[in-house]
Amino acid sequence: MTKDITLGKYFPGNSFVHRLDPRTKIVNVVIILTAVFAAKTWITYAFVAVAILITVFAAHIPARLLFNNLRPFLFILIFTFAWHLIFLPVQGAIVLKVGDFVISQKALLTAMFYCIRIAMFILLSSLLTLTTAPLELTDAIEVILAPLKKFKIPIHEFALMTSIAIRFIPTIMDEAEKLYLAQKNRGARFDGALHERLQALLALTIPLLTNAFKRAEELALAMEARCYDNHAQRTNYKRLKWNWRDSIVLCSAGLSAALILTFERLS
């Protein structure tokens, strides 16, 4: 069920994308996502899709590993698609008519538009985690948000929680797979009637949450046993280094986003 999902996993490599500073990758993802959410035309989506493909090629990541991350969100994509088809008003040409149910061309294109937007958000986030080690991601988040420390915001704790959450996504998925097989062997029906599915899902969710809280408690005890102090002044074993590659990539992303936003405003 989840063996091919790589959400939250790091794909080791020495590619151009892997060698970029994690701060560059985070800022680039934010810039591109801003362009995606501001997009109103298919041209912008085509540009972002080309950028994703180029990044996948430059990172030497198998495309299958990346696109498998869409599987856990398939229900959200289907729900979004169906919602727009059902509740958007009928405008333009009629694509399908079954009794009182009518699907217009505009509703169909709008449903596809928003599903692609969600898919791009997932793919870009997956590219970030696949090419950036969790510790590097934590350090980058802490450095980027460092100015907020002046407002007494616990940036280090936020970065640590983000890193731990990303790190334990694959672990929770593996546990969900084991629980799914165990409950299925005990007679749980995940493909039966609706009430049977809900009962099976409840039998799967409760032990999964229990294991998650237990793992969190064990991690907290382990950190406490190692004398972890979140208020201590900490240093990094590996310091982040900015070089010319990061400047070029960041400037290119910023310029591309500016051109996209200008095009969207004029169109």
C-alpha atoms as a PDB file:
ATOM      1  CA  MET A   1       0.000   0.000   0.000  1.00  0.00           C
ATOM      2  CA  THR A   2       2.777   2.471   0.896  1.00  0.00           C
ATOM      3  CA  LYS A   3       5.992   0.727  -0.148  1.00  0.00           C
ATOM      4  CA  ASP A   4       6.536   2.998  -3.158  1.00  0.00           C
ATOM      5  CA  ILE A   5       5.679   6.261  -1.392  1.00  0.00           C
ATOM      6  CA  THR A   6       8.745   8.411  -0.757  1.00  0.00           C
ATOM      7  CA  LEU A   7       7.066  11.369   0.937  1.00  0.00           C
ATOM      8  CA  GLY A   8       9.435  12.733   3.584  1.00  0.00           C
ATOM      9  CA  LYS A   9      12.326  10.491   2.535  1.00  0.00           C
ATOM     10  CA  TYR A  10      15.757  11.721   1.477  1.00  0.00           C
ATOM     11  CA  PHE A  11      17.176  10.395  -1.785  1.00  0.00           C
ATOM     12  CA  PRO A  12      20.992  10.544  -1.406  1.00  0.00           C
ATOM     13  CA  GLY A  13      22.947  11.932  -4.326  1.00  0.00           C
ATOM     14  CA  ASN A  14      25.676  14.290  -5.475  1.00  0.00           C
ATOM     15  CA  SER A  15      23.789  16.097  -8.216  1.00  0.00           C
ATOM     16  CA  PHE A  16      23.677  19.810  -8.889  1.00  0.00           C
ATOM     17  CA  VAL A  17      20.396  20.113  -6.973  1.00  0.00           C
ATOM     18  CA  HIS A  18      21.721  18.113  -3.998  1.00  0.00           C
ATOM     19  CA  ARG A  19      24.757  20.404  -3.722  1.00  0.00           C
ATOM     20  CA  LEU A  20      22.675  23.568  -3.570  1.00  0.00           C
ATOM     21  CA  ASP A  21      22.379  25.314  -0.239  1.00  0.00           C
ATOM     22  CA  PRO A  22      19.173  24.180   1.504  1.00  0.00           C
ATOM     23  CA  ARG A  23      18.229  27.818   2.042  1.00  0.00           C
ATOM     24  CA  THR A  24      18.268  28.300  -1.721  1.00  0.00           C
ATOM     25  CA  LYS A  25      15.996  25.325  -2.258  1.00  0.00           C
ATOM     26  CA  ILE A  26      13.503  26.418   0.399  1.00  0.00           C
ATOM     27  CA  VAL A  27      13.292  29.975  -0.925  1.00  0.00           C
ATOM     28  CA  ASN A  28      13.003  28.709  -4.506  1.00  0.00           C
ATOM     29  CA  VAL A  29      10.123  26.401  -3.559  1.00  0.00           C
ATOM     30  CA  VAL A  30       8.348  29.298  -1.840  1.00  0.00           C
ATOM     31  CA  ILE A  31       8.864  31.537  -4.888  1.00  0.00           C
ATOM     32  CA  ILE A  32       7.596  28.930  -7.343  1.00  0.00           C
ATOM     33  CA  LEU A  33       4.609  28.054  -5.143  1.00  0.00           C
ATOM     34  CA  THR A  34       3.719  31.748  -4.991  1.00  0.00           C
ATOM     35  CA  ALA A  35       3.723  31.812  -8.784  1.00  0.00           C
ATOM     36  CA  VAL A  36       1.591  28.652  -8.878  1.00  0.00           C
ATOM     37  CA  PHE A  37      -1.042  30.068  -6.510  1.00  0.00           C
ATOM     38  CA  ALA A  38      -1.098  33.339  -8.442  1.00  0.00           C
ATOM     39  CA  ALA A  39      -1.500  31.533 -11.760  1.00  0.00           C
ATOM     40  CA  LYS A  40      -4.655  32.100 -13.759  1.00  0.00           C
ATOM     41  CA  THR A  41      -3.545  30.679 -17.100  1.00  0.00           C
ATOM     42  CA  TRP A  42      -2.329  27.326 -18.362  1.00  0.00           C
ATOM     43  CA  ILE A  43       0.863  28.968 -19.650  1.00  0.00           C
ATOM     44  CA  THR A  44       2.102  29.471 -16.104  1.00  0.00           C
ATOM     45  CA  TYR A  45       1.370  25.843 -15.255  1.00  0.00           C
ATOM     46  CA  ALA A  46       3.256  24.724 -18.354  1.00  0.00           C
ATOM     47  CA  PHE A  47       6.251  26.801 -17.278  1.00  0.00           C
ATOM     48  CA  VAL A  48       6.214  25.339 -13.752  1.00  0.00           C
ATOM     49  CA  ALA A  49       5.811  21.806 -15.135  1.00  0.00           C
ATOM     50  CA  VAL A  50       8.903  22.304 -17.307  1.00  0.00           C
ATOM     51  CA  ALA A  51      10.785  23.633 -14.261  1.00  0.00           C
ATOM     52  CA  ILE A  52       9.810  20.525 -12.259  1.00  0.00           C
ATOM     53  CA  LEU A  53      10.962  18.196 -15.045  1.00  0.00           C
ATOM     54  CA  ILE A  54      14.278  20.048 -15.378  1.00  0.00           C
ATOM     55  CA  THR A  55      14.814  19.818 -11.610  1.00  0.00           C
ATOM     56  CA  VAL A  56      14.054  16.083 -11.601  1.00  0.00           C
ATOM     57  CA  PHE A  57      16.530  15.565 -14.445  1.00  0.00           C
ATOM     58  CA  ALA A  58      19.202  17.696 -12.743  1.00  0.00           C
ATOM     59  CA  ALA A  59      18.711  15.879  -9.419  1.00  0.00           C
ATOM     60  CA  HIS A  60      18.978  12.418 -11.051  1.00  0.00           C
ATOM     61  CA  ILE A  61      15.815  11.320  -9.252  1.00  0.00           C
ATOM     62  CA  PRO A  62      13.686   8.602 -10.873  1.00  0.00           C
ATOM     63  CA  ALA A  63      10.410  10.198 -11.906  1.00  0.00           C
ATOM     64  CA  ARG A  64       8.535   7.216 -10.447  1.00  0.00           C
ATOM     65  CA  LEU A  65       9.785   8.056  -6.945  1.00  0.00           C
ATOM     66  CA  LEU A  66       8.495  11.590  -7.269  1.00  0.00           C
ATOM     67  CA  PHE A  67       5.087  10.935  -8.791  1.00  0.00           C
ATOM     68  CA  ASN A  68       4.343   8.096  -6.345  1.00  0.00           C
ATOM     69  CA  ASN A  69       4.011  10.808  -3.709  1.00  0.00           C
ATOM     70  CA  LEU A  70       0.698  11.781  -5.282  1.00  0.00           C
ATOM     71  CA  ARG A  71      -0.875   8.479  -4.269  1.00  0.00           C
ATOM     72  CA  PRO A  72      -1.663   9.402  -0.626  1.00  0.00           C
ATOM     73  CA  PHE A  73      -3.429  12.544  -1.874  1.00  0.00           C
ATOM     74  CA  LEU A  74      -5.455  10.834  -4.583  1.00  0.00           C
ATOM     75  CA  PHE A  75      -8.648  11.146  -2.522  1.00  0.00           C
ATOM     76  CA  ILE A  76      -8.109  14.920  -2.149  1.00  0.00           C
ATOM     77  CA  LEU A  77      -7.560  15.294  -5.887  1.00  0.00           C
ATOM     78  CA  ILE A  78     -10.696  13.277  -6.699  1.00  0.00           C
ATOM     79  CA  PHE A  79     -12.741  15.211  -4.120  1.00  0.00           C
ATOM     80  CA  THR A  80     -11.520  18.557  -5.495  1.00  0.00           C
ATOM     81  CA  PHE A  81     -12.291  17.491  -9.054  1.00  0.00           C
ATOM     82  CA  ALA A  82     -15.788  16.252  -8.178  1.00  0.00           C
ATOM     83  CA  TRP A  83     -16.565  19.323  -6.046  1.00  0.00           C
ATOM     84  CA  HIS A  84     -15.926  21.716  -8.941  1.00  0.00           C
ATOM     85  CA  LEU A  85     -17.861  19.590 -11.403  1.00  0.00           C
ATOM     86  CA  ILE A  86     -20.920  19.408  -9.146  1.00  0.00           C
ATOM     87  CA  PHE A  87     -21.144  22.865  -7.584  1.00  0.00           C
ATOM     88  CA  LEU A  88     -19.788  25.236 -10.233  1.00  0.00           C
ATOM     89  CA  PRO A  89     -22.539  26.960 -12.235  1.00  0.00           C
ATOM     90  CA  VAL A  90     -23.104  25.789 -15.789  1.00  0.00           C
ATOM     91  CA  GLN A  91     -21.328  28.168 -18.160  1.00  0.00           C
ATOM     92  CA  GLY A  92     -20.166  27.740 -21.712  1.00  0.00           C
ATOM     93  CA  ALA A  93     -20.399  24.608 -23.827  1.00  0.00           C
ATOM     94  CA  ILE A  94     -21.993  21.454 -22.386  1.00  0.00           C
ATOM     95  CA  VAL A  95     -19.606  18.513 -22.182  1.00  0.00           C
ATOM     96  CA  LEU A  96     -21.897  15.929 -20.568  1.00  0.00           C
ATOM     97  CA  LYS A  97     -25.579  15.863 -19.633  1.00  0.00           C
ATOM     98  CA  VAL A  98     -27.207  13.006 -17.743  1.00  0.00           C
ATOM     99  CA  GLY A  99     -30.722  13.924 -16.678  1.00  0.00           C
ATOM    100  CA  ASP A 100     -30.501  17.036 -14.509  1.00  0.00           C
ATOM    101  CA  PHE A 101     -26.754  16.621 -14.016  1.00  0.00           C
ATOM    102  CA  VAL A 102     -24.811  18.861 -16.413  1.00  0.00           C
ATOM    103  CA  ILE A 103     -21.045  19.291 -16.794  1.00  0.00           C
ATOM    104  CA  SER A 104     -19.930  22.402 -18.623  1.00  0.00           C
ATOM    105  CA  GLN A 105     -16.604  22.960 -20.297  1.00  0.00           C
ATOM    106  CA  LYS A 106     -15.683  25.746 -17.890  1.00  0.00           C
ATOM    107  CA  ALA A 107     -16.389  23.558 -14.839  1.00  0.00           C
ATOM    108  CA  LEU A 108     -14.271  20.752 -16.284  1.00  0.00           C
ATOM    109  CA  LEU A 109     -11.324  23.051 -17.017  1.00  0.00           C
ATOM    110  CA  THR A 110     -11.589  24.693 -13.583  1.00  0.00           C
ATOM    111  CA  ALA A 111     -11.602  21.292 -11.857  1.00  0.00           C
ATOM    112  CA  MET A 112      -8.505  20.240 -13.785  1.00  0.00           C
ATOM    113  CA  PHE A 113      -6.854  23.594 -13.039  1.00  0.00           C
ATOM    114  CA  TYR A 114      -7.178  23.279  -9.265  1.00  0.00           C
ATOM    115  CA  CYS A 115      -6.223  19.594  -9.209  1.00  0.00           C
ATOM    116  CA  ILE A 116      -3.022  20.397 -11.084  1.00  0.00           C
ATOM    117  CA  ARG A 117      -2.319  23.199  -8.608  1.00  0.00           C
ATOM    118  CA  ILE A 118      -2.536  20.777  -5.671  1.00  0.00           C
ATOM    119  CA  ALA A 119      -0.406  18.216  -7.524  1.00  0.00           C
ATOM    120  CA  MET A 120       2.301  20.807  -8.215  1.00  0.00           C
ATOM    121  CA  PHE A 121       2.342  21.825  -4.561  1.00  0.00           C
ATOM    122  CA  ILE A 122       2.894  18.178  -3.566  1.00  0.00           C
ATOM    123  CA  LEU A 123       5.564  17.570  -6.216  1.00  0.00           C
ATOM    124  CA  LEU A 124       7.545  20.694  -5.334  1.00  0.00           C
ATOM    125  CA  SER A 125       7.447  19.852  -1.635  1.00  0.00           C
ATOM    126  CA  SER A 126       8.547  16.298  -2.435  1.00  0.00           C
ATOM    127  CA  LEU A 127      11.463  17.568  -4.513  1.00  0.00           C
ATOM    128  CA  LEU A 128      12.599  19.600  -1.522  1.00  0.00           C
ATOM    129  CA  THR A 129      12.605  16.645   0.872  1.00  0.00           C
ATOM    130  CA  LEU A 130      14.057  14.209  -1.670  1.00  0.00           C
ATOM    131  CA  THR A 131      17.098  16.399  -2.332  1.00  0.00           C
ATOM    132  CA  THR A 132      17.667  17.839   1.158  1.00  0.00           C
ATOM    133  CA  ALA A 133      18.741  15.909   4.239  1.00  0.00           C
ATOM    134  CA  PRO A 134      16.481  16.466   7.287  1.00  0.00           C
ATOM    135  CA  LEU A 135      19.278  18.041   9.368  1.00  0.00           C
ATOM    136  CA  GLU A 136      20.165  20.444   6.560  1.00  0.00           C
ATOM    137  CA  LEU A 137      16.502  21.337   6.232  1.00  0.00           C
ATOM    138  CA  THR A 138      16.312  22.084   9.955  1.00  0.00           C
ATOM    139  CA  ASP A 139      19.388  24.318   9.850  1.00  0.00           C
ATOM    140  CA  ALA A 140      18.076  26.182   6.798  1.00  0.00           C
ATOM    141  CA  ILE A 141      14.666  26.834   8.355  1.00  0.00           C
ATOM    142  CA  GLU A 142      16.284  28.096  11.534  1.00  0.00           C
ATOM    143  CA  VAL A 143      18.599  30.454   9.624  1.00  0.00           C
ATOM    144  CA  ILE A 144      15.830  31.798   7.389  1.00  0.00           C
ATOM    145  CA  LEU A 145      13.513  32.480  10.326  1.00  0.00           C
ATOM    146  CA  ALA A 146      16.274  33.766  12.622  1.00  0.00           C
ATOM    147  CA  PRO A 147      15.080  37.432  12.482  1.00  0.00           C
ATOM    148  CA  LEU A 148      11.853  36.349  14.202  1.00  0.00           C
ATOM    149  CA  LYS A 149      13.831  35.538  17.349  1.00  0.00           C
ATOM    150  CA  LYS A 150      13.731  39.243  18.165  1.00  0.00           C
ATOM    151  CA  PHE A 151       9.979  38.855  18.689  1.00  0.00           C
ATOM    152  CA  LYS A 152      10.513  35.972  21.178  1.00  0.00           C
ATOM    153  CA  ILE A 153       9.284  33.384  18.668  1.00  0.00           C
ATOM    154  CA  PRO A 154      10.816  29.918  19.341  1.00  0.00           C
ATOM    155  CA  ILE A 155      12.395  29.428  15.918  1.00  0.00           C
ATOM    156  CA  HIS A 156      14.726  26.611  16.961  1.00  0.00           C
ATOM    157  CA  GLU A 157      11.861  24.575  18.405  1.00  0.00           C
ATOM    158  CA  PHE A 158       9.781  25.149  15.267  1.00  0.00           C
ATOM    159  CA  ALA A 159      12.632  24.022  13.012  1.00  0.00           C
ATOM    160  CA  LEU A 160      13.234  20.960  15.181  1.00  0.00           C
ATOM    161  CA  MET A 161       9.552  19.973  15.130  1.00  0.00           C
ATOM    162  CA  THR A 162       9.461  20.391  11.347  1.00  0.00           C
ATOM    163  CA  SER A 163      12.500  18.172  10.907  1.00  0.00           C
ATOM    164  CA  ILE A 164      11.127  15.485  13.240  1.00  0.00           C
ATOM    165  CA  ALA A 165       7.738  15.540  11.501  1.00  0.00           C
ATOM    166  CA  ILE A 166       9.350  15.086   8.076  1.00  0.00           C
ATOM    167  CA  ARG A 167      11.632  12.374   9.416  1.00  0.00           C
ATOM    168  CA  PHE A 168       8.787  10.304  10.880  1.00  0.00           C
ATOM    169  CA  ILE A 169       6.438  10.428   7.873  1.00  0.00           C
ATOM    170  CA  PRO A 170       8.000   7.271   6.330  1.00  0.00           C
ATOM    171  CA  THR A 171       8.001   5.535   9.730  1.00  0.00           C
ATOM    172  CA  ILE A 172       4.302   6.231  10.288  1.00  0.00           C
ATOM    173  CA  MET A 173       3.517   5.010   6.772  1.00  0.00           C
ATOM    174  CA  ASP A 174       5.401   1.774   7.417  1.00  0.00           C
ATOM    175  CA  GLU A 175       3.439   1.276  10.637  1.00  0.00           C
ATOM    176  CA  ALA A 176       0.188   1.985   8.801  1.00  0.00           C
ATOM    177  CA  GLU A 177       1.121  -0.695   6.255  1.00  0.00           C
ATOM    178  CA  LYS A 178       1.800  -3.256   8.989  1.00  0.00           C
ATOM    179  CA  LEU A 179      -1.413  -2.413  10.833  1.00  0.00           C
ATOM    180  CA  TYR A 180      -3.384  -2.601   7.591  1.00  0.00           C
ATOM    181  CA  LEU A 181      -2.095  -6.101   6.851  1.00  0.00           C
ATOM    182  CA  ALA A 182      -2.614  -7.213  10.457  1.00  0.00           C
ATOM    183  CA  GLN A 183      -6.208  -5.970  10.572  1.00  0.00           C
ATOM    184  CA  LYS A 184      -6.931  -7.474   7.169  1.00  0.00           C
ATOM    185  CA  ASN A 185      -5.647 -10.875   8.332  1.00  0.00           C
ATOM    186  CA  ARG A 186      -7.958 -10.596  11.342  1.00  0.00           C
ATOM    187  CA  GLY A 187     -10.962 -10.200   9.056  1.00  0.00           C
ATOM    188  CA  ALA A 188     -11.268  -6.419   8.771  1.00  0.00           C
ATOM    189  CA  ARG A 189     -12.971  -5.465   5.515  1.00  0.00           C
ATOM    190  CA  PHE A 190     -11.573  -2.361   3.861  1.00  0.00           C
ATOM    191  CA  ASP A 191     -13.600  -2.966   0.679  1.00  0.00           C
ATOM    192  CA  GLY A 192     -16.993  -3.888   2.098  1.00  0.00           C
ATOM    193  CA  ALA A 193     -20.007  -1.790   2.990  1.00  0.00           C
ATOM    194  CA  LEU A 194     -19.593   1.740   4.285  1.00  0.00           C
ATOM    195  CA  HIS A 195     -20.074   0.862   7.974  1.00  0.00           C
ATOM    196  CA  GLU A 196     -17.582  -2.016   7.615  1.00  0.00           C
ATOM    197  CA  ARG A 197     -15.012   0.336   6.082  1.00  0.00           C
ATOM    198  CA  LEU A 198     -15.500   2.844   8.901  1.00  0.00           C
ATOM    199  CA  GLN A 199     -15.053   0.145  11.540  1.00  0.00           C
ATOM    200  CA  ALA A 200     -11.911  -1.127   9.817  1.00  0.00           C
ATOM    201  CA  LEU A 201     -10.575   2.403   9.512  1.00  0.00           C
ATOM    202  CA  LEU A 202     -11.243   3.037  13.210  1.00  0.00           C
ATOM    203  CA  ALA A 203      -9.415  -0.176  14.102  1.00  0.00           C
ATOM    204  CA  LEU A 204      -6.495   1.091  12.026  1.00  0.00           C
ATOM    205  CA  THR A 205      -6.446   4.696  13.266  1.00  0.00           C
ATOM    206  CA  ILE A 206      -6.494   4.102  17.034  1.00  0.00           C
ATOM    207  CA  PRO A 207      -3.378   1.878  17.219  1.00  0.00           C
ATOM    208  CA  LEU A 208      -1.621   4.136  14.717  1.00  0.00           C
ATOM    209  CA  LEU A 209      -2.206   7.196  16.924  1.00  0.00           C
ATOM    210  CA  THR A 210      -1.218   5.200  20.017  1.00  0.00           C
ATOM    211  CA  ASN A 211       2.062   4.160  18.403  1.00  0.00           C
ATOM    212  CA  ALA A 212       2.712   7.734  17.268  1.00  0.00           C
ATOM    213  CA  PHE A 213       2.275   9.125  20.804  1.00  0.00           C
ATOM    214  CA  LYS A 214       4.399   6.307  22.213  1.00  0.00           C
ATOM    215  CA  ARG A 215       7.160   7.027  19.720  1.00  0.00           C
ATOM    216  CA  ALA A 216       7.000  10.745  20.540  1.00  0.00           C
ATOM    217  CA  GLU A 217       7.350   9.974  24.259  1.00  0.00           C
ATOM    218  CA  GLU A 218      10.316   7.676  23.617  1.00  0.00           C
ATOM    219  CA  LEU A 219      11.992  10.364  21.499  1.00  0.00           C
ATOM    220  CA  ALA A 220      11.444  12.973  24.226  1.00  0.00           C
ATOM    221  CA  LEU A 221      12.965  10.660  26.862  1.00  0.00           C
ATOM    222  CA  ALA A 222      15.929   9.926  24.585  1.00  0.00           C
ATOM    223  CA  MET A 223      16.581  13.635  24.028  1.00  0.00           C
ATOM    224  CA  GLU A 224      16.265  14.313  27.770  1.00  0.00           C
ATOM    225  CA  ALA A 225      18.677  11.454  28.571  1.00  0.00           C
ATOM    226  CA  ARG A 226      21.214  13.096  26.248  1.00  0.00           C
ATOM    227  CA  CYS A 227      20.848  16.387  28.193  1.00  0.00           C
ATOM    228  CA  TYR A 228      19.172  18.224  25.361  1.00  0.00           C
ATOM    229  CA  ASP A 229      18.457  21.871  26.238  1.00  0.00           C
ATOM    230  CA  ASN A 230      16.447  23.920  23.785  1.00  0.00           C
ATOM    231  CA  HIS A 231      17.620  27.179  25.379  1.00  0.00           C
ATOM    232  CA  ALA A 232      21.324  26.409  24.978  1.00  0.00           C
ATOM    233  CA  GLN A 233      23.463  28.216  22.429  1.00  0.00           C
ATOM    234  CA  ARG A 234      24.055  25.606  19.768  1.00  0.00           C
ATOM    235  CA  THR A 235      26.630  25.253  17.011  1.00  0.00           C
ATOM    236  CA  ASN A 236      26.408  23.245  13.790  1.00  0.00           C
ATOM    237  CA  TYR A 237      28.669  20.385  12.822  1.00  0.00           C
ATOM    238  CA  LYS A 238      28.269  21.344   9.159  1.00  0.00           C
ATOM    239  CA  ARG A 239      27.886  25.039   8.422  1.00  0.00           C
ATOM    240  CA  LEU A 240      25.772  26.156   5.499  1.00  0.00           C
ATOM    241  CA  LYS A 241      27.839  27.630   2.672  1.00  0.00           C
ATOM    242  CA  TRP A 242      26.511  29.970   0.022  1.00  0.00           C
ATOM    243  CA  ASN A 243      28.243  29.972  -3.369  1.00  0.00           C
ATOM    244  CA  TRP A 244      27.782  31.261  -6.897  1.00  0.00           C
ATOM    245  CA  ARG A 245      25.454  28.409  -7.876  1.00  0.00           C
ATOM    246  CA  ASP A 246      22.977  29.437  -5.203  1.00  0.00           C
ATOM    247  CA  SER A 247      23.028  33.066  -6.325  1.00  0.00           C
ATOM    248  CA  ILE A 248      22.390  32.131  -9.955  1.00  0.00           C
ATOM    249  CA  VAL A 249      19.546  29.725  -9.120  1.00  0.00           C
ATOM    250  CA  LEU A 250      17.893  32.148  -6.701  1.00  0.00           C
ATOM    251  CA  CYS A 251      18.111  35.075  -9.129  1.00  0.00           C
ATOM    252  CA  SER A 252      16.729  32.916 -11.931  1.00  0.00           C
ATOM    253  CA  ALA A 253      13.777  31.792  -9.813  1.00  0.00           C
ATOM    254  CA  GLY A 254      13.051  35.336  -8.662  1.00  0.00           C
ATOM    255  CA  LEU A 255      13.211  36.721 -12.196  1.00  0.00           C
ATOM    256  CA  SER A 256      11.013  33.938 -13.552  1.00  0.00           C
ATOM    257  CA  ALA A 257       8.426  34.486 -10.814  1.00  0.00           C
ATOM    258  CA  ALA A 258       8.432  38.247 -11.479  1.00  0.00           C
ATOM    259  CA  LEU A 259       7.849  37.640 -15.205  1.00  0.00           C
ATOM    260  CA  ILE A 260       5.045  35.173 -14.435  1.00  0.00           C
ATOM    261  CA  LEU A 261       3.298  37.560 -12.040  1.00  0.00           C
ATOM    262  CA  THR A 262       3.645  40.409 -14.560  1.00  0.00           C
ATOM    263  CA  PHE A 263       2.210  38.226 -17.312  1.00  0.00           C
ATOM    264  CA  GLU A 264      -0.682  37.150 -15.071  1.00  0.00           C
ATOM    265  CA  ARG A 265      -1.502  40.760 -14.220  1.00  0.00           C
ATOM    266  CA  LEU A 266      -1.452  41.871 -17.860  1.00  0.00           C
ATOM    267  CA  SER A 267      -3.417  38.879 -19.158  1.00  0.00           C
END
